Amino acid sequence: MSDIRDISLAGAGEQKIRWASRNMPLLASIRAEFEKSKPFRGVKIALSIHMEAKTACLCRALELGGAEMHVTGCNPLSTQDDVAAALAGGGMDVHARRGASPEEYSRHLTAVLEAKPQIVIDDGGDLVNLLHTRLTRLLPHVLGGCEETTTGVSRLRAMERRGALRFPVIAVNNARCKYLFDNRYGTGQSVWDGINRTTNLIVAGKNVVVAGYGWCGKGIAMRAKGFGARVVVTEIDPVRALEAMMDGFSVMPMERAAALGDIFVTATGCRDVIDGRHFGSLKDGALLCNAGHFNVEIAMEELEAAAASKYEARRNIAGYVLKNGRHVFAIAEGRLVNLASGDGHPAEIMDMSFAIQALSARFLLENRVSLAVGVVDVPEGIDLEVARRKLAAQGASIDALTPGQEAYLEGREPAP
């Protein structure tokens, strides 16, 4: 039985889902194929992804493919209650509420796993973690899983190194059609959508500090530069730091950047990126927000301890008066800013990411006997198929090698 906020919100959720679906032609074509072939007939799928309209489109594609869907969110502040109501109103098993307490969030994750799924689709690794800790009795039912995001893949790799992972998990995040577009362009746009709609402040002329220069950080920095900001990058990887410098950004440690930044965005996947070492150096009016999956990158408990007082500065913005009298502001409790303060990535971007999810889930089911336990790469064929189909949906076409060119590249013809 579903656990949602308010079923009467279903109409508003359906409107959002229709709009997203209209702008996700690739997933729509896969959904039509699934509806005919029913590859998931008789299969239970537990899914934990940000509960918003694009995710709903993926859930319905899998359901039309025959799956029995048990779905929840993957972040307490990213659930959209109207979308959850729309899915529940259509008969899907949904356990998600915006603003869920830690206890409620854990209960929702547990509820979808108690359905004894054969496939788990994760965003951040919470389902897989539960299966390997508190719910190990359910492991015999699981054929495998798919993981959506960088943080989740990092957790899986750590489990794999310890020999703890008990089933194959496809690293959807590591597909080129995922990280090159979702992580870079999707995060780049959606983070600033969340910041701008929440603050109603200008970015141009400000100092923006981006912590981490992976694909997400690159996208965030690129868009900040496009808005007219002066961008500082902090990094621990010397190669990425050098790349940021050659992309035209200043590079320095956070201890120096803390005194310069007007807006801070963390995107590292690590904890305590901005903490007690830095709060006292922040400018009056500095804005702190996080684009990493978990709310650990800004040390919020340390910020609470460092503040003389706290107040609501604006909806979804907490103001902290530090003991030096300066005011600093944290957006969305330090949680994922693009979803806790926005609608997440654009639909056209998630069209590719969720197409890879859907095709990877089918691949997992079809190849469950031969897949080794551990982290599994998305097959190149799926990656290329998604790219070709997305190009076609955009009305674009590309060249193909001639037989002579193929022979030359394969070394079957000598170079002149």
Protein backbone atom coordinates (compact mmCIF):
# COMPACT_ATOMS: atom_id res chain seq x y z
CA MET A 1 0.00 0.00 0.00
CA SER A 2 1.41 3.37 -1.05
CA ASP A 3 2.58 5.98 1.46
CA ILE A 4 2.28 9.43 -0.14
CA ARG A 5 1.39 12.94 0.98
CA ASP A 6 -1.96 13.59 -0.73
CA ILE A 7 -3.68 11.63 -3.51
CA SER A 8 -5.66 14.74 -4.50
CA LEU A 9 -2.44 16.17 -5.97
CA ALA A 10 -2.45 13.53 -8.71
CA GLY A 11 -3.89 15.83 -11.38
CA ALA A 12 -1.06 18.34 -11.01
CA GLY A 13 1.44 15.48 -11.10
CA GLU A 14 -0.07 14.09 -14.31
CA GLN A 15 0.36 17.49 -15.93
CA LYS A 16 4.08 17.50 -15.07
CA ILE A 17 4.51 13.93 -16.32
CA ARG A 18 2.79 14.71 -19.65
CA TRP A 19 5.09 17.69 -20.20
CA ALA A 20 8.21 15.65 -19.39
CA SER A 21 7.08 12.76 -21.60
CA ARG A 22 6.49 15.10 -24.54
CA ASN A 23 10.14 16.15 -24.30
CA MET A 24 11.57 12.65 -23.83
CA PRO A 25 11.10 11.08 -27.29
CA LEU A 26 13.84 8.49 -26.88
CA LEU A 27 12.32 7.03 -23.72
CA ALA A 28 8.90 7.20 -25.36
CA SER A 29 10.13 5.02 -28.24
CA ILE A 30 11.62 2.51 -25.78
CA ARG A 31 8.37 2.52 -23.81
CA ALA A 32 6.45 1.63 -26.99
CA GLU A 33 8.84 -1.26 -27.67
CA PHE A 34 8.57 -2.50 -24.09
CA GLU A 35 4.79 -2.35 -24.23
CA LYS A 36 4.84 -4.75 -27.19
CA SER A 37 7.58 -7.15 -26.06
CA LYS A 38 6.95 -7.15 -22.27
CA PRO A 39 10.59 -7.95 -21.36
CA PHE A 40 9.88 -7.54 -17.62
CA ARG A 41 6.76 -9.68 -17.45
CA GLY A 42 6.55 -11.21 -13.95
CA VAL A 43 9.56 -9.22 -12.67
CA LYS A 44 9.49 -7.02 -9.58
CA ILE A 45 11.61 -3.86 -9.71
CA ALA A 46 12.45 -1.69 -6.70
CA LEU A 47 13.46 1.81 -7.75
CA SER A 48 14.94 4.63 -5.66
CA ILE A 49 15.48 7.74 -7.80
CA HIS A 50 14.50 11.38 -7.23
CA MET A 51 10.72 11.22 -7.30
CA GLU A 52 9.85 13.79 -9.97
CA ALA A 53 8.31 13.84 -13.44
CA LYS A 54 11.17 12.39 -15.51
CA THR A 55 11.54 9.52 -13.06
CA ALA A 56 7.81 8.88 -13.37
CA CYS A 57 8.27 8.49 -17.14
CA LEU A 58 10.93 5.81 -16.52
CA CYS A 59 8.71 4.03 -13.99
CA ARG A 60 5.82 3.88 -16.44
CA ALA A 61 8.05 2.65 -19.26
CA LEU A 62 9.20 -0.26 -17.08
CA GLU A 63 5.66 -0.92 -15.87
CA LEU A 64 4.34 -1.04 -19.45
CA GLY A 65 7.17 -3.49 -20.11
CA GLY A 66 5.53 -5.87 -17.64
CA ALA A 67 7.34 -4.94 -14.42
CA GLU A 68 5.67 -4.75 -11.04
CA MET A 69 7.06 -1.42 -9.81
CA HIS A 70 7.80 -0.51 -6.18
CA VAL A 71 9.21 3.01 -6.10
CA THR A 72 10.55 5.58 -3.67
CA GLY A 73 12.73 8.69 -3.70
CA CYS A 74 16.45 8.88 -3.01
CA ASN A 75 16.55 12.20 -1.15
CA PRO A 76 14.08 13.55 1.44
CA LEU A 77 13.81 16.96 -0.24
CA SER A 78 13.69 15.94 -3.92
CA THR A 79 10.31 14.18 -3.89
CA GLN A 80 7.51 16.06 -5.63
CA ASP A 81 4.32 15.05 -3.84
CA ASP A 82 2.10 15.63 -6.86
CA VAL A 83 4.18 13.27 -9.01
CA ALA A 84 4.17 10.62 -6.28
CA ALA A 85 0.37 11.00 -6.12
CA ALA A 86 0.03 10.61 -9.89
CA LEU A 87 1.97 7.32 -9.87
CA ALA A 88 0.08 6.02 -6.85
CA GLY A 89 -3.20 7.07 -8.44
CA GLY A 90 -2.34 4.93 -11.43
CA GLY A 91 -1.95 1.87 -9.20
CA MET A 92 1.82 1.87 -8.71
CA ASP A 93 3.27 1.10 -5.26
CA VAL A 94 4.81 4.41 -4.17
CA HIS A 95 6.52 5.28 -0.87
CA ALA A 96 7.71 8.88 -0.97
CA ARG A 97 6.98 12.21 0.71
CA ARG A 98 8.79 15.51 0.39
CA GLY A 99 10.46 16.44 3.66
CA ALA A 100 10.45 12.88 4.97
CA SER A 101 12.13 12.47 8.34
CA PRO A 102 15.15 10.15 8.50
CA GLU A 103 12.89 7.49 9.98
CA GLU A 104 10.27 7.90 7.23
CA TYR A 105 12.93 7.88 4.53
CA SER A 106 14.39 4.62 5.88
CA ARG A 107 10.92 3.12 6.13
CA HIS A 108 10.18 3.98 2.51
CA LEU A 109 13.39 2.37 1.28
CA THR A 110 12.64 -0.72 3.33
CA ALA A 111 9.07 -0.91 2.03
CA VAL A 112 10.07 -1.19 -1.63
CA LEU A 113 12.65 -3.86 -0.81
CA GLU A 114 10.18 -5.88 1.24
CA ALA A 115 8.37 -6.53 -2.05
CA LYS A 116 11.27 -8.94 -2.81
CA PRO A 117 12.42 -7.40 -6.11
CA GLN A 118 14.52 -9.21 -8.69
CA ILE A 119 16.01 -5.93 -9.95
CA VAL A 120 16.96 -2.80 -7.96
CA ILE A 121 17.45 0.56 -9.66
CA ASP A 122 19.36 2.87 -7.36
CA ASP A 123 20.47 6.52 -7.24
CA GLY A 124 23.13 6.94 -4.59
CA GLY A 125 23.28 3.35 -3.42
CA ASP A 126 20.84 3.35 -0.50
CA LEU A 127 18.88 0.30 -1.69
CA VAL A 128 22.01 -1.74 -2.30
CA ASN A 129 23.41 -0.69 1.07
CA LEU A 130 20.24 -1.79 2.87
CA LEU A 131 20.27 -5.15 1.08
CA HIS A 132 23.83 -5.76 2.24
CA THR A 133 23.29 -4.62 5.84
CA ARG A 134 19.85 -4.78 7.48
CA LEU A 135 17.95 -6.71 4.79
CA THR A 136 20.37 -9.46 3.81
CA ARG A 137 17.54 -12.00 4.02
CA LEU A 138 16.19 -10.48 0.79
CA LEU A 139 19.43 -10.95 -1.19
CA PRO A 140 18.47 -14.37 -2.63
CA HIS A 141 15.65 -12.73 -4.61
CA VAL A 142 17.90 -10.17 -6.32
CA LEU A 143 19.29 -10.85 -9.79
CA GLY A 144 21.11 -7.54 -10.02
CA GLY A 145 20.82 -3.78 -10.15
CA CYS A 146 21.56 -0.53 -11.95
CA GLU A 147 23.16 2.56 -10.38
CA GLU A 148 22.39 6.07 -11.63
CA THR A 149 24.95 8.38 -10.10
CA THR A 150 28.65 8.97 -9.38
CA THR A 151 28.25 8.70 -5.61
CA GLY A 152 26.45 5.38 -5.91
CA VAL A 153 29.09 3.93 -8.22
CA SER A 154 31.80 5.04 -5.77
CA ARG A 155 30.01 3.20 -2.97
CA LEU A 156 29.67 0.11 -5.15
CA ARG A 157 33.39 0.17 -6.05
CA ALA A 158 34.26 0.33 -2.36
CA MET A 159 32.00 -2.67 -1.67
CA GLU A 160 33.53 -4.53 -4.60
CA ARG A 161 37.05 -3.92 -3.31
CA ARG A 162 36.05 -5.33 0.09
CA GLY A 163 34.47 -8.37 -1.56
CA ALA A 164 31.11 -7.37 -0.05
CA LEU A 165 28.98 -6.87 -3.17
CA ARG A 166 26.74 -9.89 -3.69
CA PHE A 167 25.22 -9.34 -7.14
CA PRO A 168 26.04 -7.59 -10.45
CA VAL A 169 25.22 -3.88 -10.68
CA ILE A 170 25.41 -1.98 -13.95
CA ALA A 171 27.17 1.37 -13.55
CA VAL A 172 24.75 3.44 -15.61
CA ASN A 173 26.52 6.61 -14.49
CA ASN A 174 29.68 5.55 -16.32
CA ALA A 175 28.08 5.32 -19.75
CA ARG A 176 29.27 8.11 -22.03
CA CYS A 177 25.71 9.12 -22.88
CA LYS A 178 25.14 9.57 -19.16
CA TYR A 179 28.13 11.38 -17.67
CA LEU A 180 29.01 13.50 -20.71
CA PHE A 181 25.49 14.94 -20.85
CA ASP A 182 23.62 14.35 -17.58
CA ASN A 183 26.55 15.12 -15.28
CA ARG A 184 27.95 18.01 -17.31
CA TYR A 185 25.10 19.75 -19.13
CA GLY A 186 22.26 18.51 -16.93
CA THR A 187 23.94 19.41 -13.64
CA GLY A 188 25.36 22.59 -15.12
CA GLN A 189 21.91 23.91 -15.98
CA SER A 190 19.80 22.45 -13.18
CA VAL A 191 22.10 23.63 -10.37
CA TRP A 192 21.82 27.21 -11.55
CA ASP A 193 18.09 26.82 -12.13
CA GLY A 194 17.79 25.84 -8.46
CA ILE A 195 20.04 28.63 -7.19
CA ASN A 196 18.49 31.36 -9.32
CA ARG A 197 14.85 30.52 -8.63
CA THR A 198 15.56 30.20 -4.89
CA THR A 199 17.64 33.37 -4.43
CA ASN A 200 16.34 35.71 -7.18
CA LEU A 201 19.85 37.21 -7.25
CA ILE A 202 22.21 37.96 -10.12
CA VAL A 203 25.22 35.75 -10.83
CA ALA A 204 27.07 38.13 -13.16
CA GLY A 205 29.96 39.93 -11.52
CA LYS A 206 30.07 37.61 -8.52
CA ASN A 207 32.81 35.24 -7.40
CA VAL A 208 31.59 31.65 -7.71
CA VAL A 209 33.60 28.90 -6.00
CA VAL A 210 33.06 25.42 -7.45
CA ALA A 211 34.45 22.61 -5.30
CA GLY A 212 35.35 19.64 -7.48
CA TYR A 213 36.11 19.59 -11.20
CA GLY A 214 34.66 16.26 -12.26
CA TRP A 215 32.01 16.21 -14.94
CA CYS A 216 29.43 17.84 -12.65
CA GLY A 217 31.86 20.53 -11.52
CA LYS A 218 32.83 21.25 -15.11
CA GLY A 219 29.21 21.82 -16.04
CA ILE A 220 28.56 24.06 -13.03
CA ALA A 221 31.69 26.14 -13.68
CA MET A 222 30.90 26.44 -17.40
CA ARG A 223 27.41 27.78 -16.74
CA ALA A 224 28.66 30.16 -14.03
CA LYS A 225 31.14 31.57 -16.52
CA GLY A 226 28.32 31.94 -19.04
CA PHE A 227 26.35 33.97 -16.50
CA GLY A 228 29.29 36.36 -16.18
CA ALA A 229 30.74 35.15 -12.89
CA ARG A 230 34.40 35.01 -11.95
CA VAL A 231 34.94 31.31 -11.25
CA VAL A 232 37.32 29.73 -8.73
CA VAL A 233 37.79 25.94 -8.68
CA THR A 234 39.04 23.95 -5.71
CA GLU A 235 40.36 20.42 -6.27
CA ILE A 236 42.45 17.65 -4.74
CA ASP A 237 43.35 16.03 -8.09
CA PRO A 238 46.29 17.85 -9.74
CA VAL A 239 45.26 16.80 -13.26
CA ARG A 240 41.72 18.09 -12.83
CA ALA A 241 43.05 21.26 -11.22
CA LEU A 242 45.34 21.81 -14.21
CA GLU A 243 42.41 21.18 -16.54
CA ALA A 244 40.35 23.80 -14.70
CA MET A 245 43.19 26.28 -14.99
CA MET A 246 43.50 25.69 -18.74
CA ASP A 247 39.73 26.09 -19.05
CA GLY A 248 40.27 29.63 -17.79
CA PHE A 249 39.40 29.30 -14.10
CA SER A 250 41.38 30.29 -11.01
CA VAL A 251 42.51 27.34 -8.92
CA MET A 252 43.29 27.49 -5.21
CA PRO A 253 42.65 25.66 -1.91
CA MET A 254 39.30 26.18 -0.19
CA GLU A 255 41.05 27.96 2.70
CA ARG A 256 41.92 30.80 0.30
CA ALA A 257 38.73 30.62 -1.74
CA ALA A 258 36.54 30.87 1.38
CA ALA A 259 37.35 34.56 1.80
CA LEU A 260 36.66 35.36 -1.87
CA GLY A 261 33.46 33.57 -2.78
CA ASP A 262 30.00 35.06 -3.06
CA ILE A 263 28.40 31.74 -4.09
CA PHE A 264 29.81 28.31 -3.22
CA VAL A 265 28.76 25.10 -4.96
CA THR A 266 30.17 21.75 -3.80
CA ALA A 267 30.28 18.83 -6.24
CA THR A 268 32.90 16.43 -4.91
CA GLY A 269 31.10 13.37 -3.51
CA CYS A 270 33.16 13.81 -0.32
CA ARG A 271 32.32 15.16 3.14
CA ASP A 272 33.36 18.34 5.00
CA VAL A 273 34.43 20.21 1.89
CA ILE A 274 33.28 23.44 3.55
CA ASP A 275 33.47 23.16 7.34
CA GLY A 276 34.64 24.82 10.53
CA ARG A 277 38.00 25.63 8.95
CA HIS A 278 36.26 27.95 6.52
CA PHE A 279 33.13 29.47 8.09
CA GLY A 280 34.95 32.28 9.90
CA SER A 281 36.52 33.44 6.62
CA LEU A 282 33.27 33.70 4.65
CA LYS A 283 32.08 37.08 3.41
CA ASP A 284 28.95 38.65 4.79
CA GLY A 285 26.16 37.39 2.54
CA ALA A 286 27.99 34.32 1.22
CA LEU A 287 25.66 31.66 -0.24
CA LEU A 288 26.42 27.97 0.34
CA CYS A 289 24.88 25.16 -1.68
CA ASN A 290 25.63 21.58 -2.57
CA ALA A 291 25.32 19.67 -5.86
CA GLY A 292 26.58 16.33 -4.50
CA HIS A 293 24.21 13.47 -3.76
CA PHE A 294 24.45 13.50 0.05
CA ASN A 295 24.18 16.48 2.40
CA VAL A 296 27.65 15.99 3.86
CA GLU A 297 29.75 18.26 1.65
CA ILE A 298 28.84 21.35 3.68
CA ALA A 299 29.28 20.54 7.38
CA MET A 300 25.83 21.76 8.41
CA GLU A 301 26.13 20.67 12.05
CA GLU A 302 29.37 22.61 12.38
CA LEU A 303 27.70 25.63 10.74
CA GLU A 304 24.88 25.41 13.31
CA ALA A 305 27.46 25.29 16.09
CA ALA A 306 29.42 28.22 14.64
CA ALA A 307 26.32 30.43 14.43
CA ALA A 308 25.10 32.75 17.17
CA SER A 309 21.60 32.54 15.68
CA LYS A 310 19.66 31.15 12.75
CA TYR A 311 16.63 32.41 10.85
CA GLU A 312 14.60 31.78 7.70
CA ALA A 313 15.93 34.28 5.18
CA ARG A 314 13.71 33.18 2.32
CA ARG A 315 11.84 30.03 1.39
CA ASN A 316 14.41 27.20 1.34
CA ILE A 317 17.22 29.52 2.48
CA ALA A 318 18.46 29.44 6.07
CA GLY A 319 20.37 32.45 7.37
CA TYR A 320 23.13 31.99 9.95
CA VAL A 321 24.52 34.87 11.99
CA LEU A 322 28.10 33.94 12.82
CA LYS A 323 29.79 35.03 16.01
CA ASN A 324 31.75 37.63 14.00
CA GLY A 325 28.43 39.24 13.03
CA ARG A 326 28.47 38.14 9.40
CA HIS A 327 25.43 36.52 7.82
CA VAL A 328 25.89 33.45 5.63
CA PHE A 329 23.13 31.55 3.87
CA ALA A 330 22.63 27.85 3.13
CA ILE A 331 20.22 26.69 0.43
CA ALA A 332 18.02 23.60 0.93
CA GLU A 333 19.74 22.43 4.14
CA GLY A 334 22.89 21.63 2.17
CA ARG A 335 21.02 18.99 0.17
CA LEU A 336 21.11 18.50 -3.59
CA VAL A 337 20.30 22.02 -4.75
CA ASN A 338 19.07 21.22 -8.25
CA LEU A 339 16.33 18.93 -6.90
CA ALA A 340 15.73 20.23 -3.39
CA SER A 341 15.32 23.73 -4.87
CA GLY A 342 14.33 22.92 -8.43
CA ASP A 343 12.96 20.36 -10.86
CA GLY A 344 16.24 18.57 -11.55
CA HIS A 345 17.85 18.09 -14.93
CA PRO A 346 16.08 19.12 -18.13
CA ALA A 347 13.79 16.50 -19.64
CA GLU A 348 15.86 16.21 -22.83
CA ILE A 349 18.92 15.27 -20.77
CA MET A 350 17.13 12.70 -18.63
CA ASP A 351 15.72 11.24 -21.83
CA MET A 352 19.19 9.81 -22.47
CA SER A 353 19.99 8.84 -18.89
CA PHE A 354 16.73 6.99 -18.38
CA ALA A 355 16.92 5.37 -21.80
CA ILE A 356 20.22 3.87 -20.63
CA GLN A 357 18.57 2.81 -17.37
CA ALA A 358 15.71 1.09 -19.17
CA LEU A 359 17.94 -0.69 -21.68
CA SER A 360 20.45 -1.66 -18.99
CA ALA A 361 17.69 -3.19 -16.87
CA ARG A 362 16.61 -5.27 -19.86
CA PHE A 363 20.23 -6.26 -20.55
CA LEU A 364 20.62 -7.31 -16.91
CA LEU A 365 17.56 -9.51 -17.10
CA GLU A 366 18.52 -11.10 -20.41
CA ASN A 367 22.12 -11.79 -19.34
CA ARG A 368 21.61 -12.57 -15.65
CA VAL A 369 23.21 -16.02 -15.94
CA SER A 370 26.46 -14.81 -17.51
CA LEU A 371 27.06 -11.55 -15.61
CA ALA A 372 29.74 -11.71 -12.93
CA VAL A 373 29.10 -10.40 -9.44
CA GLY A 374 30.46 -6.87 -9.14
CA VAL A 375 30.25 -3.53 -10.92
CA VAL A 376 29.41 -4.00 -14.60
CA ASP A 377 29.98 -1.46 -17.38
CA VAL A 378 27.10 -0.47 -19.63
CA PRO A 379 27.65 -2.36 -22.90
CA GLU A 380 29.01 -0.07 -25.61
CA GLY A 381 26.19 -1.17 -27.88
CA ILE A 382 23.62 0.37 -25.53
CA ASP A 383 25.62 3.60 -25.28
CA LEU A 384 25.89 3.90 -29.07
CA GLU A 385 22.26 2.96 -29.61
CA VAL A 386 21.13 5.72 -27.26
CA ALA A 387 23.35 8.25 -29.02
CA ARG A 388 22.11 7.28 -32.48
CA ARG A 389 18.47 7.32 -31.44
CA LYS A 390 18.87 10.66 -29.69
CA LEU A 391 20.47 12.15 -32.80
CA ALA A 392 17.61 10.83 -34.91
CA ALA A 393 15.07 12.28 -32.48
CA GLN A 394 16.83 15.63 -32.84
CA GLY A 395 16.66 15.40 -36.62
CA ALA A 396 20.43 14.95 -36.99
CA SER A 397 22.48 12.38 -38.90
CA ILE A 398 26.19 11.57 -39.09
CA ASP A 399 28.72 10.01 -41.47
CA ALA A 400 29.57 6.31 -41.66
CA LEU A 401 32.89 4.72 -42.54
CA THR A 402 33.33 3.36 -46.03
CA PRO A 403 34.59 -0.24 -46.36
CA GLY A 404 37.99 1.17 -47.35
CA GLN A 405 38.12 3.39 -44.29
CA GLU A 406 37.22 0.46 -42.03
CA ALA A 407 39.98 -1.64 -43.59
CA TYR A 408 42.48 1.19 -43.11
CA LEU A 409 41.59 1.74 -39.46
CA GLU A 410 41.69 -2.00 -38.72
CA GLY A 411 45.14 -2.31 -40.29
CA ARG A 412 43.96 -4.54 -43.12
CA GLU A 413 45.36 -2.05 -45.63
CA PRO A 414 48.84 -0.55 -45.21
CA ALA A 415 49.27 3.16 -44.73
CA PRO A 416 50.69 4.96 -47.78
